[in-house]
Amino acid sequence: VEGLTKSVALENAEHGIRVNCVRPAV
């Protein structure tokens, strides 16, 4: 999921789309 987040963010930054993730503990 972390890899998907980074890749899709890079692909879509110029299109005005932001992609992030959150990392919860328990």
mmCIF file of all heavy atoms, coordinates in Angstrom:
data_MODEL
# 
_entry.id   MODEL 
# 
loop_
_atom_site.group_PDB 
_atom_site.id 
_atom_site.type_symbol 
_atom_site.label_atom_id 
_atom_site.label_alt_id 
_atom_site.label_comp_id 
_atom_site.label_asym_id 
_atom_site.label_entity_id 
_atom_site.label_seq_id 
_atom_site.pdbx_PDB_ins_code 
_atom_site.Cartn_x 
_atom_site.Cartn_y 
_atom_site.Cartn_z 
_atom_site.occupancy 
_atom_site.B_iso_or_equiv 
_atom_site.pdbx_formal_charge 
_atom_site.auth_seq_id 
_atom_site.auth_comp_id 
_atom_site.auth_asym_id 
_atom_site.auth_atom_id 
_atom_site.pdbx_PDB_model_num 
ATOM 1   N N   . VAL A 1 1  ? 0.838  -1.204 0.000   1.00 0.00 ? 1  VAL A N   1 
ATOM 2   C CA  . VAL A 1 1  ? 0.000  0.000  0.000   1.00 0.00 ? 1  VAL A CA  1 
ATOM 3   C C   . VAL A 1 1  ? 0.873  1.255  0.000   1.00 0.00 ? 1  VAL A C   1 
ATOM 4   O O   . VAL A 1 1  ? 0.559  2.244  -0.677  1.00 0.00 ? 1  VAL A O   1 
ATOM 5   C CB  . VAL A 1 1  ? -0.958 -0.004 1.207   1.00 0.00 ? 1  VAL A CB  1 
ATOM 6   C CG1 . VAL A 1 1  ? -1.614 1.364  1.396   1.00 0.00 ? 1  VAL A CG1 1 
ATOM 7   C CG2 . VAL A 1 1  ? -2.016 -1.086 1.032   1.00 0.00 ? 1  VAL A CG2 1 
ATOM 8   N N   . GLU A 1 2  ? 1.970  1.213  0.735   1.00 0.00 ? 2  GLU A N   1 
ATOM 9   C CA  . GLU A 1 2  ? 2.888  2.358  0.747   1.00 0.00 ? 2  GLU A CA  1 
ATOM 10  C C   . GLU A 1 2  ? 3.466  2.600  -0.650  1.00 0.00 ? 2  GLU A C   1 
ATOM 11  O O   . GLU A 1 2  ? 3.566  3.740  -1.111  1.00 0.00 ? 2  GLU A O   1 
ATOM 12  C CB  . GLU A 1 2  ? 4.022  2.110  1.746   1.00 0.00 ? 2  GLU A CB  1 
ATOM 13  C CG  . GLU A 1 2  ? 3.571  1.930  3.175   1.00 0.00 ? 2  GLU A CG  1 
ATOM 14  C CD  . GLU A 1 2  ? 3.650  3.199  3.999   1.00 0.00 ? 2  GLU A CD  1 
ATOM 15  O OE1 . GLU A 1 2  ? 4.250  4.196  3.525   1.00 0.00 ? 2  GLU A OE1 1 
ATOM 16  O OE2 . GLU A 1 2  ? 3.115  3.198  5.122   1.00 0.00 ? 2  GLU A OE2 1 
ATOM 17  N N   . GLY A 1 3  ? 3.848  1.534  -1.336  1.00 0.00 ? 3  GLY A N   1 
ATOM 18  C CA  . GLY A 1 3  ? 4.377  1.672  -2.686  1.00 0.00 ? 3  GLY A CA  1 
ATOM 19  C C   . GLY A 1 3  ? 3.339  2.197  -3.656  1.00 0.00 ? 3  GLY A C   1 
ATOM 20  O O   . GLY A 1 3  ? 3.634  3.058  -4.503  1.00 0.00 ? 3  GLY A O   1 
ATOM 21  N N   . LEU A 1 4  ? 2.108  1.703  -3.546  1.00 0.00 ? 4  LEU A N   1 
ATOM 22  C CA  . LEU A 1 4  ? 1.024  2.205  -4.382  1.00 0.00 ? 4  LEU A CA  1 
ATOM 23  C C   . LEU A 1 4  ? 0.805  3.694  -4.139  1.00 0.00 ? 4  LEU A C   1 
ATOM 24  O O   . LEU A 1 4  ? 0.619  4.481  -5.085  1.00 0.00 ? 4  LEU A O   1 
ATOM 25  C CB  . LEU A 1 4  ? -0.270 1.451  -4.076  1.00 0.00 ? 4  LEU A CB  1 
ATOM 26  C CG  . LEU A 1 4  ? -0.463 0.085  -4.717  1.00 0.00 ? 4  LEU A CG  1 
ATOM 27  C CD1 . LEU A 1 4  ? -1.675 -0.611 -4.114  1.00 0.00 ? 4  LEU A CD1 1 
ATOM 28  C CD2 . LEU A 1 4  ? -0.634 0.217  -6.224  1.00 0.00 ? 4  LEU A CD2 1 
ATOM 29  N N   . THR A 1 5  ? 0.816  4.085  -2.885  1.00 0.00 ? 5  THR A N   1 
ATOM 30  C CA  . THR A 1 5  ? 0.599  5.488  -2.538  1.00 0.00 ? 5  THR A CA  1 
ATOM 31  C C   . THR A 1 5  ? 1.622  6.388  -3.219  1.00 0.00 ? 5  THR A C   1 
ATOM 32  O O   . THR A 1 5  ? 1.276  7.403  -3.842  1.00 0.00 ? 5  THR A O   1 
ATOM 33  C CB  . THR A 1 5  ? 0.661  5.674  -1.015  1.00 0.00 ? 5  THR A CB  1 
ATOM 34  O OG1 . THR A 1 5  ? -0.385 4.893  -0.403  1.00 0.00 ? 5  THR A OG1 1 
ATOM 35  C CG2 . THR A 1 5  ? 0.497  7.125  -0.612  1.00 0.00 ? 5  THR A CG2 1 
ATOM 36  N N   . LYS A 1 6  ? 2.883  6.025  -3.127  1.00 0.00 ? 6  LYS A N   1 
ATOM 37  C CA  . LYS A 1 6  ? 3.943  6.854  -3.717  1.00 0.00 ? 6  LYS A CA  1 
ATOM 38  C C   . LYS A 1 6  ? 3.830  6.890  -5.244  1.00 0.00 ? 6  LYS A C   1 
ATOM 39  O O   . LYS A 1 6  ? 3.931  7.963  -5.859  1.00 0.00 ? 6  LYS A O   1 
ATOM 40  C CB  . LYS A 1 6  ? 5.308  6.302  -3.307  1.00 0.00 ? 6  LYS A CB  1 
ATOM 41  C CG  . LYS A 1 6  ? 5.598  6.440  -1.821  1.00 0.00 ? 6  LYS A CG  1 
ATOM 42  C CD  . LYS A 1 6  ? 6.906  5.758  -1.464  1.00 0.00 ? 6  LYS A CD  1 
ATOM 43  C CE  . LYS A 1 6  ? 7.171  5.797  0.038   1.00 0.00 ? 6  LYS A CE  1 
ATOM 44  N NZ  . LYS A 1 6  ? 8.412  5.082  0.400   1.00 0.00 ? 6  LYS A NZ  1 
ATOM 45  N N   . SER A 1 7  ? 3.644  5.731  -5.850  1.00 0.00 ? 7  SER A N   1 
ATOM 46  C CA  . SER A 1 7  ? 3.602  5.665  -7.317  1.00 0.00 ? 7  SER A CA  1 
ATOM 47  C C   . SER A 1 7  ? 2.428  6.449  -7.882  1.00 0.00 ? 7  SER A C   1 
ATOM 48  O O   . SER A 1 7  ? 2.573  7.215  -8.845  1.00 0.00 ? 7  SER A O   1 
ATOM 49  C CB  . SER A 1 7  ? 3.527  4.209  -7.782  1.00 0.00 ? 7  SER A CB  1 
ATOM 50  O OG  . SER A 1 7  ? 4.713  3.517  -7.461  1.00 0.00 ? 7  SER A OG  1 
ATOM 51  N N   . VAL A 1 8  ? 1.239  6.262  -7.289  1.00 0.00 ? 8  VAL A N   1 
ATOM 52  C CA  . VAL A 1 8  ? 0.051  6.935  -7.806  1.00 0.00 ? 8  VAL A CA  1 
ATOM 53  C C   . VAL A 1 8  ? 0.124  8.437  -7.545  1.00 0.00 ? 8  VAL A C   1 
ATOM 54  O O   . VAL A 1 8  ? -0.347 9.245  -8.355  1.00 0.00 ? 8  VAL A O   1 
ATOM 55  C CB  . VAL A 1 8  ? -1.224 6.302  -7.216  1.00 0.00 ? 8  VAL A CB  1 
ATOM 56  C CG1 . VAL A 1 8  ? -2.474 6.999  -7.726  1.00 0.00 ? 8  VAL A CG1 1 
ATOM 57  C CG2 . VAL A 1 8  ? -1.282 4.814  -7.583  1.00 0.00 ? 8  VAL A CG2 1 
ATOM 58  N N   . ALA A 1 9  ? 0.739  8.831  -6.442  1.00 0.00 ? 9  ALA A N   1 
ATOM 59  C CA  . ALA A 1 9  ? 0.934  10.262 -6.181  1.00 0.00 ? 9  ALA A CA  1 
ATOM 60  C C   . ALA A 1 9  ? 1.818  10.891 -7.247  1.00 0.00 ? 9  ALA A C   1 
ATOM 61  O O   . ALA A 1 9  ? 1.516  11.984 -7.765  1.00 0.00 ? 9  ALA A O   1 
ATOM 62  C CB  . ALA A 1 9  ? 1.543  10.469 -4.801  1.00 0.00 ? 9  ALA A CB  1 
ATOM 63  N N   . LEU A 1 10 ? 2.903  10.229 -7.596  1.00 0.00 ? 10 LEU A N   1 
ATOM 64  C CA  . LEU A 1 10 ? 3.801  10.756 -8.619  1.00 0.00 ? 10 LEU A CA  1 
ATOM 65  C C   . LEU A 1 10 ? 3.116  10.844 -9.979  1.00 0.00 ? 10 LEU A C   1 
ATOM 66  O O   . LEU A 1 10 ? 3.272  11.827 -10.707 1.00 0.00 ? 10 LEU A O   1 
ATOM 67  C CB  . LEU A 1 10 ? 5.042  9.868  -8.723  1.00 0.00 ? 10 LEU A CB  1 
ATOM 68  C CG  . LEU A 1 10 ? 6.055  9.993  -7.577  1.00 0.00 ? 10 LEU A CG  1 
ATOM 69  C CD1 . LEU A 1 10 ? 7.085  8.873  -7.665  1.00 0.00 ? 10 LEU A CD1 1 
ATOM 70  C CD2 . LEU A 1 10 ? 6.748  11.352 -7.629  1.00 0.00 ? 10 LEU A CD2 1 
ATOM 71  N N   . GLU A 1 11 ? 2.340  9.824  -10.328 1.00 0.00 ? 11 GLU A N   1 
ATOM 72  C CA  . GLU A 1 11 ? 1.655  9.803  -11.614 1.00 0.00 ? 11 GLU A CA  1 
ATOM 73  C C   . GLU A 1 11 ? 0.638  10.936 -11.753 1.00 0.00 ? 11 GLU A C   1 
ATOM 74  O O   . GLU A 1 11 ? 0.365  11.391 -12.876 1.00 0.00 ? 11 GLU A O   1 
ATOM 75  C CB  . GLU A 1 11 ? 0.915  8.472  -11.803 1.00 0.00 ? 11 GLU A CB  1 
ATOM 76  C CG  . GLU A 1 11 ? 1.790  7.284  -12.095 1.00 0.00 ? 11 GLU A CG  1 
ATOM 77  C CD  . GLU A 1 11 ? 0.960  6.012  -12.259 1.00 0.00 ? 11 GLU A CD  1 
ATOM 78  O OE1 . GLU A 1 11 ? -0.272 6.111  -12.480 1.00 0.00 ? 11 GLU A OE1 1 
ATOM 79  O OE2 . GLU A 1 11 ? 1.546  4.920  -12.148 1.00 0.00 ? 11 GLU A OE2 1 
ATOM 80  N N   . ASN A 1 12 ? 0.083  11.367 -10.649 1.00 0.00 ? 12 ASN A N   1 
ATOM 81  C CA  . ASN A 1 12 ? -1.081 12.253 -10.711 1.00 0.00 ? 12 ASN A CA  1 
ATOM 82  C C   . ASN A 1 12 ? -0.893 13.635 -10.118 1.00 0.00 ? 12 ASN A C   1 
ATOM 83  O O   . ASN A 1 12 ? -1.833 14.425 -10.089 1.00 0.00 ? 12 ASN A O   1 
ATOM 84  C CB  . ASN A 1 12 ? -2.270 11.555 -10.042 1.00 0.00 ? 12 ASN A CB  1 
ATOM 85  C CG  . ASN A 1 12 ? -2.738 10.366 -10.857 1.00 0.00 ? 12 ASN A CG  1 
ATOM 86  O OD1 . ASN A 1 12 ? -3.441 10.520 -11.847 1.00 0.00 ? 12 ASN A OD1 1 
ATOM 87  N ND2 . ASN A 1 12 ? -2.318 9.173  -10.452 1.00 0.00 ? 12 ASN A ND2 1 
ATOM 88  N N   . ALA A 1 13 ? 0.315  13.952 -9.677  1.00 0.00 ? 13 ALA A N   1 
ATOM 89  C CA  . ALA A 1 13 ? 0.551  15.265 -9.084  1.00 0.00 ? 13 ALA A CA  1 
ATOM 90  C C   . ALA A 1 13 ? 0.230  16.383 -10.072 1.00 0.00 ? 13 ALA A C   1 
ATOM 91  O O   . ALA A 1 13 ? -0.387 17.396 -9.712  1.00 0.00 ? 13 ALA A O   1 
ATOM 92  C CB  . ALA A 1 13 ? 1.996  15.368 -8.610  1.00 0.00 ? 13 ALA A CB  1 
ATOM 93  N N   . GLU A 1 14 ? 0.628  16.219 -11.316 1.00 0.00 ? 14 GLU A N   1 
ATOM 94  C CA  . GLU A 1 14 ? 0.384  17.279 -12.303 1.00 0.00 ? 14 GLU A CA  1 
ATOM 95  C C   . GLU A 1 14 ? -1.091 17.388 -12.679 1.00 0.00 ? 14 GLU A C   1 
ATOM 96  O O   . GLU A 1 14 ? -1.505 18.363 -13.319 1.00 0.00 ? 14 GLU A O   1 
ATOM 97  C CB  . GLU A 1 14 ? 1.210  17.023 -13.565 1.00 0.00 ? 14 GLU A CB  1 
ATOM 98  C CG  . GLU A 1 14 ? 0.844  15.760 -14.313 1.00 0.00 ? 14 GLU A CG  1 
ATOM 99  C CD  . GLU A 1 14 ? 1.722  15.545 -15.541 1.00 0.00 ? 14 GLU A CD  1 
ATOM 100 O OE1 . GLU A 1 14 ? 1.836  16.472 -16.362 1.00 0.00 ? 14 GLU A OE1 1 
ATOM 101 O OE2 . GLU A 1 14 ? 2.298  14.446 -15.661 1.00 0.00 ? 14 GLU A OE2 1 
ATOM 102 N N   . HIS A 1 15 ? -1.892 16.413 -12.276 1.00 0.00 ? 15 HIS A N   1 
ATOM 103 C CA  . HIS A 1 15 ? -3.326 16.446 -12.545 1.00 0.00 ? 15 HIS A CA  1 
ATOM 104 C C   . HIS A 1 15 ? -4.128 16.994 -11.368 1.00 0.00 ? 15 HIS A C   1 
ATOM 105 O O   . HIS A 1 15 ? -5.360 16.946 -11.374 1.00 0.00 ? 15 HIS A O   1 
ATOM 106 C CB  . HIS A 1 15 ? -3.821 15.047 -12.902 1.00 0.00 ? 15 HIS A CB  1 
ATOM 107 C CG  . HIS A 1 15 ? -3.181 14.490 -14.129 1.00 0.00 ? 15 HIS A CG  1 
ATOM 108 N ND1 . HIS A 1 15 ? -3.508 14.908 -15.399 1.00 0.00 ? 15 HIS A ND1 1 
ATOM 109 C CD2 . HIS A 1 15 ? -2.199 13.553 -14.272 1.00 0.00 ? 15 HIS A CD2 1 
ATOM 110 C CE1 . HIS A 1 15 ? -2.774 14.246 -16.285 1.00 0.00 ? 15 HIS A CE1 1 
ATOM 111 N NE2 . HIS A 1 15 ? -1.974 13.434 -15.628 1.00 0.00 ? 15 HIS A NE2 1 
ATOM 112 N N   . GLY A 1 16 ? -3.425 17.497 -10.353 1.00 0.00 ? 16 GLY A N   1 
ATOM 113 C CA  . GLY A 1 16 ? -4.107 18.087 -9.211  1.00 0.00 ? 16 GLY A CA  1 
ATOM 114 C C   . GLY A 1 16 ? -4.651 17.082 -8.215  1.00 0.00 ? 16 GLY A C   1 
ATOM 115 O O   . GLY A 1 16 ? -5.488 17.430 -7.375  1.00 0.00 ? 16 GLY A O   1 
ATOM 116 N N   . ILE A 1 17 ? -4.164 15.843 -8.290  1.00 0.00 ? 17 ILE A N   1 
ATOM 117 C CA  . ILE A 1 17 ? -4.655 14.784 -7.402  1.00 0.00 ? 17 ILE A CA  1 
ATOM 118 C C   . ILE A 1 17 ? -3.578 14.463 -6.374  1.00 0.00 ? 17 ILE A C   1 
ATOM 119 O O   . ILE A 1 17 ? -2.439 14.144 -6.735  1.00 0.00 ? 17 ILE A O   1 
ATOM 120 C CB  . ILE A 1 17 ? -5.015 13.516 -8.194  1.00 0.00 ? 17 ILE A CB  1 
ATOM 121 C CG1 . ILE A 1 17 ? -6.091 13.836 -9.236  1.00 0.00 ? 17 ILE A CG1 1 
ATOM 122 C CG2 . ILE A 1 17 ? -5.481 12.409 -7.248  1.00 0.00 ? 17 ILE A CG2 1 
ATOM 123 C CD1 . ILE A 1 17 ? -6.314 12.724 -10.243 1.00 0.00 ? 17 ILE A CD1 1 
ATOM 124 N N   . ARG A 1 18 ? -3.944 14.528 -5.108  1.00 0.00 ? 18 ARG A N   1 
ATOM 125 C CA  . ARG A 1 18 ? -3.025 14.180 -4.022  1.00 0.00 ? 18 ARG A CA  1 
ATOM 126 C C   . ARG A 1 18 ? -3.348 12.778 -3.507  1.00 0.00 ? 18 ARG A C   1 
ATOM 127 O O   . ARG A 1 18 ? -4.517 12.419 -3.383  1.00 0.00 ? 18 ARG A O   1 
ATOM 128 C CB  . ARG A 1 18 ? -3.134 15.188 -2.880  1.00 0.00 ? 18 ARG A CB  1 
ATOM 129 C CG  . ARG A 1 18 ? -2.752 16.605 -3.291  1.00 0.00 ? 18 ARG A CG  1 
ATOM 130 C CD  . ARG A 1 18 ? -2.727 17.560 -2.110  1.00 0.00 ? 18 ARG A CD  1 
ATOM 131 N NE  . ARG A 1 18 ? -4.023 17.708 -1.461  1.00 0.00 ? 18 ARG A NE  1 
ATOM 132 C CZ  . ARG A 1 18 ? -4.356 17.183 -0.305  1.00 0.00 ? 18 ARG A CZ  1 
ATOM 133 N NH1 . ARG A 1 18 ? -3.499 16.437 0.390   1.00 0.00 ? 18 ARG A NH1 1 
ATOM 134 N NH2 . ARG A 1 18 ? -5.556 17.389 0.211   1.00 0.00 ? 18 ARG A NH2 1 
ATOM 135 N N   . VAL A 1 19 ? -2.298 12.006 -3.204  1.00 0.00 ? 19 VAL A N   1 
ATOM 136 C CA  . VAL A 1 19 ? -2.467 10.643 -2.694  1.00 0.00 ? 19 VAL A CA  1 
ATOM 137 C C   . VAL A 1 19 ? -1.543 10.460 -1.503  1.00 0.00 ? 19 VAL A C   1 
ATOM 138 O O   . VAL A 1 19 ? -0.322 10.646 -1.616  1.00 0.00 ? 19 VAL A O   1 
ATOM 139 C CB  . VAL A 1 19 ? -2.147 9.590  -3.769  1.00 0.00 ? 19 VAL A CB  1 
ATOM 140 C CG1 . VAL A 1 19 ? -2.505 8.194  -3.260  1.00 0.00 ? 19 VAL A CG1 1 
ATOM 141 C CG2 . VAL A 1 19 ? -2.877 9.892  -5.080  1.00 0.00 ? 19 VAL A CG2 1 
ATOM 142 N N   . ASN A 1 20 ? -2.121 10.112 -0.365  1.00 0.00 ? 20 ASN A N   1 
ATOM 143 C CA  . ASN A 1 20 ? -1.353 9.910  0.855   1.00 0.00 ? 20 ASN A CA  1 
ATOM 144 C C   . ASN A 1 20 ? -1.836 8.653  1.569   1.00 0.00 ? 20 ASN A C   1 
ATOM 145 O O   . ASN A 1 20 ? -2.813 8.026  1.163   1.00 0.00 ? 20 ASN A O   1 
ATOM 146 C CB  . ASN A 1 20 ? -1.520 11.120 1.783   1.00 0.00 ? 20 ASN A CB  1 
ATOM 147 C CG  . ASN A 1 20 ? -0.854 12.367 1.237   1.00 0.00 ? 20 ASN A CG  1 
ATOM 148 O OD1 . ASN A 1 20 ? 0.367  12.470 1.226   1.00 0.00 ? 20 ASN A OD1 1 
ATOM 149 N ND2 . ASN A 1 20 ? -1.655 13.320 0.766   1.00 0.00 ? 20 ASN A ND2 1 
ATOM 150 N N   . CYS A 1 21 ? -1.149 8.300  2.643   1.00 0.00 ? 21 CYS A N   1 
ATOM 151 C CA  . CYS A 1 21 ? -1.614 7.193  3.475   1.00 0.00 ? 21 CYS A CA  1 
ATOM 152 C C   . CYS A 1 21 ? -1.467 7.562  4.941   1.00 0.00 ? 21 CYS A C   1 
ATOM 153 O O   . CYS A 1 21 ? -0.763 8.517  5.294   1.00 0.00 ? 21 CYS A O   1 
ATOM 154 C CB  . CYS A 1 21 ? -0.856 5.893  3.167   1.00 0.00 ? 21 CYS A CB  1 
ATOM 155 S SG  . CYS A 1 21 ? 0.898  5.898  3.593   1.00 0.00 ? 21 CYS A SG  1 
ATOM 156 N N   . VAL A 1 22 ? -2.157 6.827  5.778   1.00 0.00 ? 22 VAL A N   1 
ATOM 157 C CA  . VAL A 1 22 ? -1.991 6.969  7.228   1.00 0.00 ? 22 VAL A CA  1 
ATOM 158 C C   . VAL A 1 22 ? -1.523 5.634  7.789   1.00 0.00 ? 22 VAL A C   1 
ATOM 159 O O   . VAL A 1 22 ? -1.812 4.575  7.240   1.00 0.00 ? 22 VAL A O   1 
ATOM 160 C CB  . VAL A 1 22 ? -3.283 7.422  7.929   1.00 0.00 ? 22 VAL A CB  1 
ATOM 161 C CG1 . VAL A 1 22 ? -3.634 8.845  7.533   1.00 0.00 ? 22 VAL A CG1 1 
ATOM 162 C CG2 . VAL A 1 22 ? -4.435 6.484  7.654   1.00 0.00 ? 22 VAL A CG2 1 
ATOM 163 N N   . ARG A 1 23 ? -0.792 5.726  8.893   1.00 0.00 ? 23 ARG A N   1 
ATOM 164 C CA  . ARG A 1 23 ? -0.196 4.536  9.508   1.00 0.00 ? 23 ARG A CA  1 
ATOM 165 C C   . ARG A 1 23 ? -0.651 4.417  10.962  1.00 0.00 ? 23 ARG A C   1 
ATOM 166 O O   . ARG A 1 23 ? 0.068  4.830  11.880  1.00 0.00 ? 23 ARG A O   1 
ATOM 167 C CB  . ARG A 1 23 ? 1.326  4.622  9.451   1.00 0.00 ? 23 ARG A CB  1 
ATOM 168 C CG  . ARG A 1 23 ? 1.891  4.813  8.050   1.00 0.00 ? 23 ARG A CG  1 
ATOM 169 C CD  . ARG A 1 23 ? 3.401  4.847  8.065   1.00 0.00 ? 23 ARG A CD  1 
ATOM 170 N NE  . ARG A 1 23 ? 3.918  5.174  6.750   1.00 0.00 ? 23 ARG A NE  1 
ATOM 171 C CZ  . ARG A 1 23 ? 4.506  6.330  6.428   1.00 0.00 ? 23 ARG A CZ  1 
ATOM 172 N NH1 . ARG A 1 23 ? 4.653  7.285  7.363   1.00 0.00 ? 23 ARG A NH1 1 
ATOM 173 N NH2 . ARG A 1 23 ? 4.941  6.534  5.214   1.00 0.00 ? 23 ARG A NH2 1 
ATOM 174 N N   . PRO A 1 24 ? -1.820 3.844  11.187  1.00 0.00 ? 24 PRO A N   1 
ATOM 175 C CA  . PRO A 1 24 ? -2.258 3.651  12.569  1.00 0.00 ? 24 PRO A CA  1 
ATOM 176 C C   . PRO A 1 24 ? -1.478 2.538  13.264  1.00 0.00 ? 24 PRO A C   1 
ATOM 177 O O   . PRO A 1 24 ? -1.005 1.579  12.626  1.00 0.00 ? 24 PRO A O   1 
ATOM 178 C CB  . PRO A 1 24 ? -3.732 3.253  12.435  1.00 0.00 ? 24 PRO A CB  1 
ATOM 179 C CG  . PRO A 1 24 ? -4.096 3.562  11.006  1.00 0.00 ? 24 PRO A CG  1 
ATOM 180 C CD  . PRO A 1 24 ? -2.835 3.437  10.222  1.00 0.00 ? 24 PRO A CD  1 
ATOM 181 N N   . ALA A 1 25 ? -1.369 2.646  14.563  1.00 0.00 ? 25 ALA A N   1 
ATOM 182 C CA  . ALA A 1 25 ? -0.971 1.513  15.398  1.00 0.00 ? 25 ALA A CA  1 
ATOM 183 C C   . ALA A 1 25 ? -2.269 0.781  15.761  1.00 0.00 ? 25 ALA A C   1 
ATOM 184 O O   . ALA A 1 25 ? -3.232 0.813  15.009  1.00 0.00 ? 25 ALA A O   1 
ATOM 185 C CB  . ALA A 1 25 ? -0.216 2.008  16.617  1.00 0.00 ? 25 ALA A CB  1 
ATOM 186 N N   . VAL A 1 26 ? -2.308 0.114  16.869  1.00 0.00 ? 26 VAL A N   1 
ATOM 187 C CA  . VAL A 1 26 ? -3.517 -0.608 17.282  1.00 0.00 ? 26 VAL A CA  1 
ATOM 188 C C   . VAL A 1 26 ? -4.648 0.382  17.556  1.00 0.00 ? 26 VAL A C   1 
ATOM 189 O O   . VAL A 1 26 ? -4.465 1.374  18.262  1.00 0.00 ? 26 VAL A O   1 
ATOM 190 C CB  . VAL A 1 26 ? -3.241 -1.462 18.536  1.00 0.00 ? 26 VAL A CB  1 
ATOM 191 C CG1 . VAL A 1 26 ? -4.533 -2.076 19.060  1.00 0.00 ? 26 VAL A CG1 1 
ATOM 192 C CG2 . VAL A 1 26 ? -2.240 -2.554 18.210  1.00 0.00 ? 26 VAL A CG2 1 
# 
